Each structure stands twice: as C-alpha cells, then as structure tokens.
PDB file of N, CA and C in Angstrom:
ATOM      1  N   MET A   1      -5.398   6.552  -6.002  1.00  0.00           N
ATOM      2  CA  MET A   1      -6.251   5.838  -5.150  1.00  0.00           C
ATOM      3  C   MET A   1      -6.644   6.378  -3.849  1.00  0.00           C
ATOM      4  N   ALA A   2      -7.669   6.136  -3.417  1.00  0.00           N
ATOM      5  CA  ALA A   2      -8.142   6.763  -2.157  1.00  0.00           C
ATOM      6  C   ALA A   2      -8.124   5.698  -1.006  1.00  0.00           C
ATOM      7  N   VAL A   3      -7.736   6.222   0.053  1.00  0.00           N
ATOM      8  CA  VAL A   3      -7.690   5.530   1.279  1.00  0.00           C
ATOM      9  C   VAL A   3      -8.197   6.414   2.493  1.00  0.00           C
ATOM     10  N   ARG A   4      -9.314   6.051   3.037  1.00  0.00           N
ATOM     11  CA  ARG A   4      -9.924   6.791   4.042  1.00  0.00           C
ATOM     12  C   ARG A   4     -10.453   8.177   3.473  1.00  0.00           C
ATOM     13  N   GLY A   5     -10.794   8.269   2.341  1.00  0.00           N
ATOM     14  CA  GLY A   5     -11.195   9.566   1.773  1.00  0.00           C
ATOM     15  C   GLY A   5     -10.002  10.419   1.336  1.00  0.00           C
ATOM     16  N   ARG A   6      -8.635  10.022   1.411  1.00  0.00           N
ATOM     17  CA  ARG A   6      -7.588  10.682   1.058  1.00  0.00           C
ATOM     18  C   ARG A   6      -6.971  10.076  -0.122  1.00  0.00           C
ATOM     19  N   GLU A   7      -5.999  10.747  -0.834  1.00  0.00           N
ATOM     20  CA  GLU A   7      -5.208  10.113  -2.042  1.00  0.00           C
ATOM     21  C   GLU A   7      -4.121   9.192  -1.363  1.00  0.00           C
ATOM     22  N   ALA A   8      -3.791   8.338  -2.167  1.00  0.00           N
ATOM     23  CA  ALA A   8      -2.550   7.392  -1.869  1.00  0.00           C
ATOM     24  C   ALA A   8      -1.835   7.259  -2.985  1.00  0.00           C
ATOM     25  N   LEU A   9      -0.447   7.337  -3.042  1.00  0.00           N
ATOM     26  CA  LEU A   9       0.366   6.991  -4.219  1.00  0.00           C
ATOM     27  C   LEU A   9       0.812   5.479  -3.931  1.00  0.00           C
ATOM     28  N   ILE A  10       0.853   4.842  -5.227  1.00  0.00           N
ATOM     29  CA  ILE A  10       1.029   3.355  -5.503  1.00  0.00           C
ATOM     30  C   ILE A  10       2.156   3.251  -6.485  1.00  0.00           C
ATOM     31  N   GLU A  11       3.125   2.465  -6.190  1.00  0.00           N
ATOM     32  CA  GLU A  11       4.252   2.209  -6.906  1.00  0.00           C
ATOM     33  C   GLU A  11       4.391   0.674  -6.993  1.00  0.00           C
ATOM     34  N   PHE A  12       4.710   0.146  -8.297  1.00  0.00           N
ATOM     35  CA  PHE A  12       4.931  -1.370  -8.496  1.00  0.00           C
ATOM     36  C   PHE A  12       6.360  -1.384  -9.027  1.00  0.00           C
ATOM     37  N   GLN A  13       7.039  -2.267  -8.363  1.00  0.00           N
ATOM     38  CA  GLN A  13       8.458  -2.741  -8.878  1.00  0.00           C
ATOM     39  C   GLN A  13       8.742  -4.094  -9.115  1.00  0.00           C
ATOM     40  N   ARG A  14       9.106  -4.602 -10.259  1.00  0.00           N
ATOM     41  CA  ARG A  14       9.319  -6.088 -10.559  1.00  0.00           C
ATOM     42  C   ARG A  14      10.670  -6.354  -9.971  1.00  0.00           C
ATOM     43  N   VAL A  15      10.696  -7.340  -9.208  1.00  0.00           N
ATOM     44  CA  VAL A  15      12.015  -7.844  -8.490  1.00  0.00           C
ATOM     45  C   VAL A  15      11.976  -9.394  -8.752  1.00  0.00           C
ATOM     46  N   GLY A  16      12.538  -9.689  -9.940  1.00  0.00           N
ATOM     47  CA  GLY A  16      12.826 -10.974 -10.312  1.00  0.00           C
ATOM     48  C   GLY A  16      11.355 -11.536 -10.645  1.00  0.00           C
ATOM     49  N   ALA A  17      10.964 -12.710 -10.032  1.00  0.00           N
ATOM     50  CA  ALA A  17       9.538 -13.289 -10.566  1.00  0.00           C
ATOM     51  C   ALA A  17       8.504 -12.660  -9.700  1.00  0.00           C
ATOM     52  N   TYR A  18       8.827 -11.665  -8.820  1.00  0.00           N
ATOM     53  CA  TYR A  18       7.935 -10.983  -7.763  1.00  0.00           C
ATOM     54  C   TYR A  18       7.494  -9.686  -8.221  1.00  0.00           C
ATOM     55  N   LEU A  19       6.453  -9.103  -7.656  1.00  0.00           N
ATOM     56  CA  LEU A  19       6.106  -7.667  -7.805  1.00  0.00           C
ATOM     57  C   LEU A  19       5.883  -7.179  -6.341  1.00  0.00           C
ATOM     58  N   LYS A  20       6.619  -6.060  -6.170  1.00  0.00           N
ATOM     59  CA  LYS A  20       6.688  -5.239  -4.891  1.00  0.00           C
ATOM     60  C   LYS A  20       5.611  -4.140  -5.065  1.00  0.00           C
ATOM     61  N   ALA A  21       4.647  -4.081  -4.312  1.00  0.00           N
ATOM     62  CA  ALA A  21       3.662  -2.913  -4.327  1.00  0.00           C
ATOM     63  C   ALA A  21       3.881  -2.088  -3.060  1.00  0.00           C
ATOM     64  N   THR A  22       4.133  -0.709  -3.222  1.00  0.00           N
ATOM     65  CA  THR A  22       4.336   0.153  -2.218  1.00  0.00           C
ATOM     66  C   THR A  22       3.273   1.331  -2.226  1.00  0.00           C
ATOM     67  N   ALA A  23       2.708   1.649  -1.238  1.00  0.00           N
ATOM     68  CA  ALA A  23       1.681   2.554  -1.198  1.00  0.00           C
ATOM     69  C   ALA A  23       2.206   3.747  -0.066  1.00  0.00           C
ATOM     70  N   ILE A  24       1.941   5.108  -0.415  1.00  0.00           N
ATOM     71  CA  ILE A  24       2.372   6.180   0.461  1.00  0.00           C
ATOM     72  C   ILE A  24       1.272   7.071   0.675  1.00  0.00           C
ATOM     73  N   ASP A  25       1.026   7.494   1.989  1.00  0.00           N
ATOM     74  CA  ASP A  25       0.103   8.443   2.248  1.00  0.00           C
ATOM     75  C   ASP A  25       0.920   9.793   2.142  1.00  0.00           C
ATOM     76  N   PRO A  26       0.420  10.769   1.192  1.00  0.00           N
ATOM     77  CA  PRO A  26       1.284  11.951   0.921  1.00  0.00           C
ATOM     78  C   PRO A  26       1.203  12.967   2.193  1.00  0.00           C
ATOM     79  N   GLU A  27       0.086  12.649   2.855  1.00  0.00           N
ATOM     80  CA  GLU A  27      -0.069  13.749   4.058  1.00  0.00           C
ATOM     81  C   GLU A  27       0.724  13.383   5.308  1.00  0.00           C
ATOM     82  N   THR A  28       0.736  12.112   5.538  1.00  0.00           N
ATOM     83  CA  THR A  28       1.528  11.536   6.640  1.00  0.00           C
ATOM     84  C   THR A  28       2.816  11.010   6.397  1.00  0.00           C
ATOM     85  N   LEU A  29       3.262  10.855   5.139  1.00  0.00           N
ATOM     86  CA  LEU A  29       4.392   9.914   4.608  1.00  0.00           C
ATOM     87  C   LEU A  29       4.657   8.753   5.216  1.00  0.00           C
ATOM     88  N   VAL A  30       3.361   8.102   5.543  1.00  0.00           N
ATOM     89  CA  VAL A  30       3.469   6.665   6.027  1.00  0.00           C
ATOM     90  C   VAL A  30       3.556   5.959   4.685  1.00  0.00           C
ATOM     91  N   GLU A  31       4.349   4.859   4.753  1.00  0.00           N
ATOM     92  CA  GLU A  31       4.617   3.960   3.696  1.00  0.00           C
ATOM     93  C   GLU A  31       4.566   2.505   3.987  1.00  0.00           C
ATOM     94  N   VAL A  32       3.785   1.688   3.271  1.00  0.00           N
ATOM     95  CA  VAL A  32       3.758   0.224   3.245  1.00  0.00           C
ATOM     96  C   VAL A  32       4.039  -0.371   2.074  1.00  0.00           C
ATOM     97  N   SER A  33       4.475  -1.825   2.267  1.00  0.00           N
ATOM     98  CA  SER A  33       4.828  -2.474   1.090  1.00  0.00           C
ATOM     99  C   SER A  33       4.195  -3.995   1.259  1.00  0.00           C
ATOM    100  N   SER A  34       4.085  -4.631   0.044  1.00  0.00           N
ATOM    101  CA  SER A  34       3.725  -6.037   0.096  1.00  0.00           C
ATOM    102  C   SER A  34       4.334  -6.577  -1.220  1.00  0.00           C
ATOM    103  N   VAL A  35       4.592  -7.739  -1.157  1.00  0.00           N
ATOM    104  CA  VAL A  35       5.179  -8.578  -2.170  1.00  0.00           C
ATOM    105  C   VAL A  35       4.333  -9.695  -2.627  1.00  0.00           C
ATOM    106  N   GLY A  36       4.183  -9.976  -3.950  1.00  0.00           N
ATOM    107  CA  GLY A  36       3.642 -11.146  -4.247  1.00  0.00           C
ATOM    108  C   GLY A  36       4.013 -11.611  -5.726  1.00  0.00           C
ATOM    109  N   PRO A  37       3.199 -12.415  -6.410  1.00  0.00           N
ATOM    110  CA  PRO A  37       3.734 -12.911  -7.711  1.00  0.00           C
ATOM    111  C   PRO A  37       3.314 -11.723  -8.647  1.00  0.00           C
ATOM    112  N   SER A  38       4.170 -11.856  -9.710  1.00  0.00           N
ATOM    113  CA  SER A  38       4.257 -10.703 -10.834  1.00  0.00           C
ATOM    114  C   SER A  38       2.826 -10.660 -11.413  1.00  0.00           C
ATOM    115  N   ASN A  39       2.120 -11.691 -11.544  1.00  0.00           N
ATOM    116  CA  ASN A  39       0.846 -11.830 -12.249  1.00  0.00           C
ATOM    117  C   ASN A  39      -0.417 -11.216 -11.404  1.00  0.00           C
ATOM    118  N   ALA A  40      -0.119 -10.681 -10.171  1.00  0.00           N
ATOM    119  CA  ALA A  40      -1.244 -10.468  -9.151  1.00  0.00           C
ATOM    120  C   ALA A  40      -1.231  -8.968  -8.854  1.00  0.00           C
ATOM    121  N   ARG A  41      -1.050  -8.142  -9.885  1.00  0.00           N
ATOM    122  CA  ARG A  41      -1.005  -6.772  -9.754  1.00  0.00           C
ATOM    123  C   ARG A  41      -2.289  -5.981  -9.106  1.00  0.00           C
ATOM    124  N   GLU A  42      -3.574  -6.380  -9.461  1.00  0.00           N
ATOM    125  CA  GLU A  42      -4.571  -5.914  -8.923  1.00  0.00           C
ATOM    126  C   GLU A  42      -4.938  -6.505  -7.477  1.00  0.00           C
ATOM    127  N   GLN A  43      -4.498  -7.721  -7.263  1.00  0.00           N
ATOM    128  CA  GLN A  43      -4.644  -8.203  -5.788  1.00  0.00           C
ATOM    129  C   GLN A  43      -3.670  -7.477  -4.956  1.00  0.00           C
ATOM    130  N   LEU A  44      -2.525  -7.335  -5.355  1.00  0.00           N
ATOM    131  CA  LEU A  44      -1.450  -6.504  -4.689  1.00  0.00           C
ATOM    132  C   LEU A  44      -2.009  -5.051  -4.290  1.00  0.00           C
ATOM    133  N   ARG A  45      -2.523  -4.442  -5.483  1.00  0.00           N
ATOM    134  CA  ARG A  45      -2.976  -3.094  -5.184  1.00  0.00           C
ATOM    135  C   ARG A  45      -3.894  -3.047  -4.153  1.00  0.00           C
ATOM    136  N   ARG A  46      -5.062  -4.005  -4.117  1.00  0.00           N
ATOM    137  CA  ARG A  46      -5.857  -3.872  -3.092  1.00  0.00           C
ATOM    138  C   ARG A  46      -5.292  -4.212  -1.618  1.00  0.00           C
ATOM    139  N   THR A  47      -4.250  -5.217  -1.632  1.00  0.00           N
ATOM    140  CA  THR A  47      -3.648  -5.621  -0.408  1.00  0.00           C
ATOM    141  C   THR A  47      -2.911  -4.462   0.294  1.00  0.00           C
ATOM    142  N   VAL A  48      -2.143  -3.676  -0.503  1.00  0.00           N
ATOM    143  CA  VAL A  48      -1.414  -2.664  -0.007  1.00  0.00           C
ATOM    144  C   VAL A  48      -2.064  -1.436   0.432  1.00  0.00           C
ATOM    145  N   LEU A  49      -3.312  -1.236  -0.240  1.00  0.00           N
ATOM    146  CA  LEU A  49      -4.190  -0.148   0.012  1.00  0.00           C
ATOM    147  C   LEU A  49      -4.985  -0.509   1.466  1.00  0.00           C
ATOM    148  N   ALA A  50      -5.276  -1.786   1.672  1.00  0.00           N
ATOM    149  CA  ALA A  50      -5.861  -2.227   2.900  1.00  0.00           C
ATOM    150  C   ALA A  50      -4.831  -2.113   4.028  1.00  0.00           C
ATOM    151  N   LYS A  51      -3.651  -2.428   3.714  1.00  0.00           N
ATOM    152  CA  LYS A  51      -2.565  -2.439   4.630  1.00  0.00           C
ATOM    153  C   LYS A  51      -2.133  -0.859   5.166  1.00  0.00           C
ATOM    154  N   LEU A  52      -2.254  -0.053   4.277  1.00  0.00           N
ATOM    155  CA  LEU A  52      -1.985   1.356   4.378  1.00  0.00           C
ATOM    156  C   LEU A  52      -3.215   1.877   5.310  1.00  0.00           C
ATOM    157  N   GLU A  53      -4.320   1.593   5.007  1.00  0.00           N
ATOM    158  CA  GLU A  53      -5.490   1.861   5.809  1.00  0.00           C
ATOM    159  C   GLU A  53      -5.565   1.476   6.978  1.00  0.00           C
ATOM    160  N   TYR A  54      -4.945   0.272   7.385  1.00  0.00           N
ATOM    161  CA  TYR A  54      -4.822  -0.453   8.598  1.00  0.00           C
ATOM    162  C   TYR A  54      -3.767   0.203   9.623  1.00  0.00           C
ATOM    163  N   VAL A  55      -2.572   0.606   8.861  1.00  0.00           N
ATOM    164  CA  VAL A  55      -1.476   1.232   9.679  1.00  0.00           C
ATOM    165  C   VAL A  55      -1.960   2.711  10.033  1.00  0.00           C
ATOM    166  N   LEU A  56      -2.694   3.521   9.030  1.00  0.00           N
ATOM    167  CA  LEU A  56      -3.177   4.737   9.404  1.00  0.00           C
ATOM    168  C   LEU A  56      -4.163   4.748  10.578  1.00  0.00           C
ATOM    169  N   SER A  57      -5.114   3.685  10.556  1.00  0.00           N
ATOM    170  CA  SER A  57      -6.014   3.698  11.632  1.00  0.00           C
ATOM    171  C   SER A  57      -5.426   3.327  12.857  1.00  0.00           C
ATOM    172  N   LYS A  58      -4.348   2.443  12.882  1.00  0.00           N
ATOM    173  CA  LYS A  58      -3.531   2.211  14.150  1.00  0.00           C
ATOM    174  C   LYS A  58      -2.916   3.401  14.746  1.00  0.00           C
ATOM    175  N   ARG A  59      -2.357   4.104  13.791  1.00  0.00           N
ATOM    176  CA  ARG A  59      -1.489   5.439  14.165  1.00  0.00           C
ATOM    177  C   ARG A  59      -2.530   6.503  14.769  1.00  0.00           C
ATOM    178  N   ALA A  60      -3.935   6.451  14.194  1.00  0.00           N
ATOM    179  CA  ALA A  60      -4.756   7.510  14.783  1.00  0.00           C
ATOM    180  C   ALA A  60      -5.288   7.094  16.036  1.00  0.00           C
ATOM    181  N   THR A  61      -5.360   5.783  16.420  1.00  0.00           N
ATOM    182  CA  THR A  61      -5.884   5.427  17.719  1.00  0.00           C
ATOM    183  C   THR A  61      -4.706   5.242  18.800  1.00  0.00           C
ATOM    184  N   GLY A  62      -3.387   5.544  18.436  1.00  0.00           N
ATOM    185  CA  GLY A  62      -2.211   5.500  19.187  1.00  0.00           C
ATOM    186  C   GLY A  62      -1.980   4.042  19.742  1.00  0.00           C
ATOM    187  N   SER A  63      -2.432   3.078  18.942  1.00  0.00           N
ATOM    188  CA  SER A  63      -2.001   1.637  19.264  1.00  0.00           C
ATOM    189  C   SER A  63      -0.545   1.321  18.602  1.00  0.00           C
TER     190      SER A  63
END
C-alpha cells in the first residue's frame, strides 16, 4: 500500500469480534493502529492508511 508515494506495511489481527489494523511506514518506523468490526476490513485499511498519512504529515511539520 502506498502512503504519500511510499510503501506502507499493513497487518490485520482478529481480536474477538473486532479487527485490529496496523500500518507501519518502513522508512520512519512510525506505526498506527485502528480497531473496528471484523467485517469492515476494507474500511479499516483506508482508515489506518489515512491515519498513517496524518501522523507522518504532523511529524514533517513539527507539530
């Protein structure tokens, strides 16, 4: 998956009735997670990638 023109690693883990999505930027080792219903895999993928992009942009601006 690409975030800001770079690759991102995504992992999904089922935790009971929920699904935890984790995205990692391999260059900066920044990691973010999001949890949702187990039947919302695609929505969680989009959410966690957007969250990773947000965190990377905040770090780039120094905020």
